[in-house]
Protein backbone atom coordinates (compact mmCIF):
# COMPACT_ATOMS: atom_id res chain seq x y z
CA MET A 1 -4.61 -3.31 27.17
CA LYS A 2 -1.46 -1.23 27.78
CA VAL A 3 1.73 -2.60 26.26
CA ILE A 4 5.31 -1.46 25.76
CA LEU A 5 6.42 -1.73 22.14
CA THR A 6 9.74 -3.47 21.60
CA GLN A 7 9.73 -2.50 17.92
CA THR A 8 8.27 0.40 15.96
CA ILE A 9 4.91 -0.49 14.43
CA PRO A 10 3.44 1.81 11.76
CA LYS A 11 0.36 3.77 12.91
CA ILE A 12 0.65 2.34 16.44
CA GLY A 13 3.86 3.66 17.99
CA LYS A 14 7.63 3.63 18.21
CA GLU A 15 9.93 1.31 20.11
CA GLY A 16 9.75 1.99 23.85
CA HIS A 17 6.36 3.73 23.67
CA VAL A 18 3.54 2.70 25.97
CA VAL A 19 0.36 2.31 23.91
CA THR A 20 -3.13 0.95 24.39
CA VAL A 21 -4.23 -1.79 21.99
CA ALA A 22 -7.03 -4.34 21.74
CA ASP A 23 -6.51 -7.37 23.98
CA GLY A 24 -6.82 -9.81 21.07
CA PHE A 25 -4.30 -7.88 18.96
CA ALA A 26 -1.81 -7.98 21.81
CA ARG A 27 -2.27 -11.66 22.67
CA ASN A 28 -2.60 -13.02 19.14
CA PHE A 29 -0.10 -10.85 17.29
CA LEU A 30 2.15 -8.54 19.31
CA PHE A 31 3.17 -10.89 22.11
CA PRO A 32 3.78 -14.03 19.97
CA LYS A 33 5.96 -12.03 17.57
CA GLY A 34 7.91 -10.33 20.35
CA LEU A 35 6.75 -6.88 19.23
CA ALA A 36 5.51 -5.81 22.66
CA ILE A 37 5.38 -6.74 26.33
CA LEU A 38 2.69 -6.17 28.91
CA ALA A 39 3.04 -2.75 30.54
CA ASP A 40 2.87 -3.93 34.14
CA LYS A 41 4.57 -2.15 37.06
CA ALA A 42 7.82 -4.09 36.75
CA ALA A 43 8.10 -3.52 33.01
CA LEU A 44 7.30 0.19 33.34
CA ALA A 45 9.93 0.62 36.06
CA GLN A 46 12.52 -1.12 33.93
CA LEU A 47 11.56 1.05 30.96
CA GLU A 48 12.03 4.22 33.03
CA ARG A 49 15.51 3.11 34.15
CA ARG A 50 16.47 2.26 30.58
CA ARG A 51 15.21 5.62 29.32
CA SER A 52 17.31 7.59 31.78
CA LYS A 53 20.43 5.66 30.78
CA MET A 54 19.72 6.02 27.08
CA ALA A 55 18.81 9.73 27.14
CA MET A 56 22.35 10.96 26.49
CA GLU A 57 22.99 8.31 23.83
CA ILE A 58 19.75 9.18 22.07
CA GLU A 59 20.73 12.84 21.90
CA LYS A 60 24.13 11.95 20.45
CA THR A 61 22.63 9.80 17.68
CA ARG A 62 19.88 12.28 16.79
CA ALA A 63 22.14 14.39 14.56
CA SER A 64 23.28 11.43 12.48
CA ALA A 65 19.70 10.19 12.23
CA LEU A 66 18.59 13.56 10.86
CA GLN A 67 21.35 13.43 8.24
CA ALA A 68 20.29 9.94 7.22
CA ALA A 69 16.65 11.05 7.00
CA GLU A 70 17.58 13.90 4.65
CA LYS A 71 19.24 11.42 2.31
CA ILE A 72 16.55 8.77 2.16
CA ASN A 73 13.21 10.41 2.99
CA GLY A 74 10.96 10.40 -0.07
CA GLN A 75 13.51 8.51 -2.16
CA THR A 76 12.67 5.47 -4.30
CA ILE A 77 14.37 2.10 -4.11
CA ARG A 78 13.70 -0.88 -6.34
CA ILE A 79 13.85 -4.60 -5.62
CA VAL A 80 13.46 -7.18 -8.38
CA GLY A 81 11.63 -10.38 -7.48
CA LYS A 82 10.70 -13.55 -9.31
CA THR A 83 7.14 -14.32 -10.36
CA ALA A 84 5.32 -16.77 -12.56
CA LYS A 85 4.45 -15.42 -16.01
CA GLY A 86 1.47 -13.09 -15.82
CA SER A 87 1.33 -13.27 -12.00
CA THR A 88 1.91 -10.56 -9.41
CA LYS A 89 2.74 -13.05 -6.64
CA LEU A 90 6.41 -13.39 -5.75
CA PHE A 91 8.35 -16.59 -5.34
CA GLY A 92 9.47 -15.93 -1.78
CA ALA A 93 9.06 -12.50 -0.18
CA VAL A 94 10.75 -9.14 0.37
CA THR A 95 11.86 -8.79 3.99
CA SER A 96 13.13 -6.00 6.23
CA ALA A 97 16.67 -7.21 5.61
CA ASP A 98 16.16 -6.95 1.83
CA ILE A 99 14.89 -3.38 2.16
CA ALA A 100 17.78 -2.36 4.45
CA GLU A 101 20.24 -3.80 1.95
CA ALA A 102 18.57 -1.99 -0.96
CA ILE A 103 18.72 1.33 0.93
CA LYS A 104 22.44 0.84 1.54
CA GLU A 105 23.22 -0.16 -2.06
CA GLN A 106 20.97 2.35 -3.85
CA LEU A 107 20.95 5.36 -1.49
CA GLY A 108 24.27 4.91 0.27
CA VAL A 109 22.82 4.94 3.79
CA ALA A 110 23.33 2.05 6.19
CA VAL A 111 20.24 1.20 8.24
CA ASP A 112 19.66 -1.75 10.53
CA LYS A 113 16.94 -4.14 9.43
CA LYS A 114 15.24 -3.49 12.78
CA MET A 115 14.74 0.12 11.67
CA VAL A 116 12.56 -1.05 8.77
CA ALA A 117 9.02 -0.95 10.16
CA LEU A 118 7.58 -3.83 8.16
CA LEU A 119 4.98 -5.94 9.92
CA HIS A 120 4.68 -8.57 7.20
CA PRO A 121 7.04 -9.58 4.36
CA ILE A 122 5.94 -8.26 0.96
CA LYS A 123 4.68 -11.09 -1.24
CA ARG A 124 3.49 -9.26 -4.36
CA ILE A 125 4.99 -6.87 -6.86
CA GLY A 126 3.83 -3.28 -6.59
CA VAL A 127 4.58 0.06 -4.92
CA HIS A 128 4.86 0.31 -1.14
CA GLU A 129 5.50 3.15 1.32
CA VAL A 130 7.90 1.87 3.99
CA LEU A 131 8.55 3.63 7.31
CA ILE A 132 12.19 3.72 8.46
CA ASP A 133 12.55 4.28 12.21
CA LEU A 134 15.94 6.01 12.37
CA HIS A 135 15.62 7.41 15.87
CA GLN A 136 13.16 8.01 18.68
CA ASP A 137 12.46 11.44 17.18
CA VAL A 138 13.38 10.86 13.53
CA ASP A 139 11.52 8.89 10.86
CA ALA A 140 11.84 8.60 7.10
CA VAL A 141 9.62 7.07 4.45
CA VAL A 142 10.95 5.44 1.31
CA ARG A 143 9.03 4.43 -1.79
CA LEU A 144 9.67 0.77 -2.51
CA GLU A 145 9.04 -0.56 -6.00
CA VAL A 146 8.94 -4.35 -6.13
CA THR A 147 9.06 -5.44 -9.77
CA ASP A 148 9.16 -8.72 -11.63
CA GLU A 149 12.16 -9.70 -13.76
CA GLU A 150 10.77 -7.71 -16.70
CA GLY A 151 10.47 -4.55 -14.63
CA ARG A 152 6.69 -4.64 -14.25
CA LEU A 153 5.06 -3.36 -11.08
CA GLY A 154 1.67 -4.91 -11.61
CA ILE A 155 0.22 -1.42 -12.17
CA GLU A 156 -0.45 -2.38 -15.77
CA LEU A 157 -3.27 -4.61 -14.56
CA GLU A 158 -4.86 -1.69 -12.72
CA GLU A 159 -4.43 0.60 -15.70
CA ALA A 160 -6.15 -1.92 -17.95
CA ALA A 161 -9.46 -1.32 -16.15
CA PRO A 162 -9.86 2.37 -17.16
CA GLN A 163 -8.89 1.45 -20.73
CA ALA A 164 -11.52 -1.26 -20.76
CA ALA A 165 -14.02 1.28 -19.42
CA GLU A 166 -13.12 3.71 -22.19
CA SER A 167 -13.55 0.95 -24.74
CA ALA A 168 -16.89 0.02 -23.24
CA SER A 169 -17.89 3.68 -23.34
CA SER A 170 -17.05 3.89 -27.03
CA GLU A 171 -19.01 0.73 -27.67
CA GLY A 172 -21.85 2.21 -25.64
CA ILE A 173 -22.03 5.17 -28.00
CA SER A 174 -22.33 2.98 -31.06
CA THR A 175 -24.77 0.70 -29.28
CA GLU A 176 -26.81 3.71 -28.27
CA SER A 177 -26.89 4.83 -31.89
CA GLU A 178 -28.05 1.38 -32.90
CA GLU A 179 -30.78 1.56 -30.28
CA VAL A 180 -31.96 4.87 -31.71
CA VAL A 181 -32.08 3.33 -35.19
CA GLU A 182 -34.02 0.38 -33.80
CA LYS A 183 -36.47 2.73 -32.08
CA VAL A 184 -37.00 4.64 -35.31
CA SER A 185 -37.50 1.35 -37.11
CA GLU A 186 -40.01 0.27 -34.49
CA GLU A 187 -41.86 3.57 -34.68
CA LYS A 188 -41.91 3.62 -38.47
CA PRO A 189 -44.49 0.81 -38.87
CA LYS A 190 -46.74 2.59 -36.35
CA ARG A 191 -46.72 5.74 -38.42
CA THR A 192 -47.36 3.67 -41.56
CA ARG A 193 -50.47 2.07 -40.00
CA SER A 194 -51.67 5.51 -38.95
CA GLN A 195 -51.15 6.84 -42.45
CA LYS A 196 -53.10 3.87 -43.89
CA THR A 197 -55.99 4.61 -41.55
CA GLN A 198 -56.02 8.27 -42.57
CA LYS A 199 -55.97 7.31 -46.25
CA ALA A 200 -58.86 4.89 -45.69
CA LYS A 201 -60.90 7.63 -44.06
CA LEU A 202 -60.19 10.05 -46.87
CA SER A 203 -61.22 7.50 -49.47
CA GLU A 204 -64.50 7.00 -47.63
């Protein structure tokens, strides 16, 4: 199904673009959320008229968008959220408005919340790459760190796995040594029986 995006959607397209998406995705997600409209003849004609009117304005704002992109692209912002002890789930969520405010406060660049291409509010602490749609031809990506009140990102939980693996590996070495000892112990009686048999034959 062909639709006209009314808001930039990461990996799909920018506002005003005509894109082809799955019918179910359009009907169940894009249309109910007001993120797109059906690209019928009337809508396409209206889009073309709007584009011609906006062409000059878009060119005027391109320079300022490029300056903004230079200041924020690749930069890191941090938002502190509230969580239960030992949990990565936030009480509440981080929204586009929160991210726009953090960019203004921490990077000194004012962006509209509509420029923050966030499909769903962020509900867990962690690191996120967020697309900022500054202009039809200009994008920026900021690194968003959502931490709990103690400054944790939840990465510690992921880092614990390799440490546990290293510990298990160390234990595996000692266990392997124990297995070797056990094998020697198991083989020892066999050799003893063999030696007894040889001694019996010699005595005969």
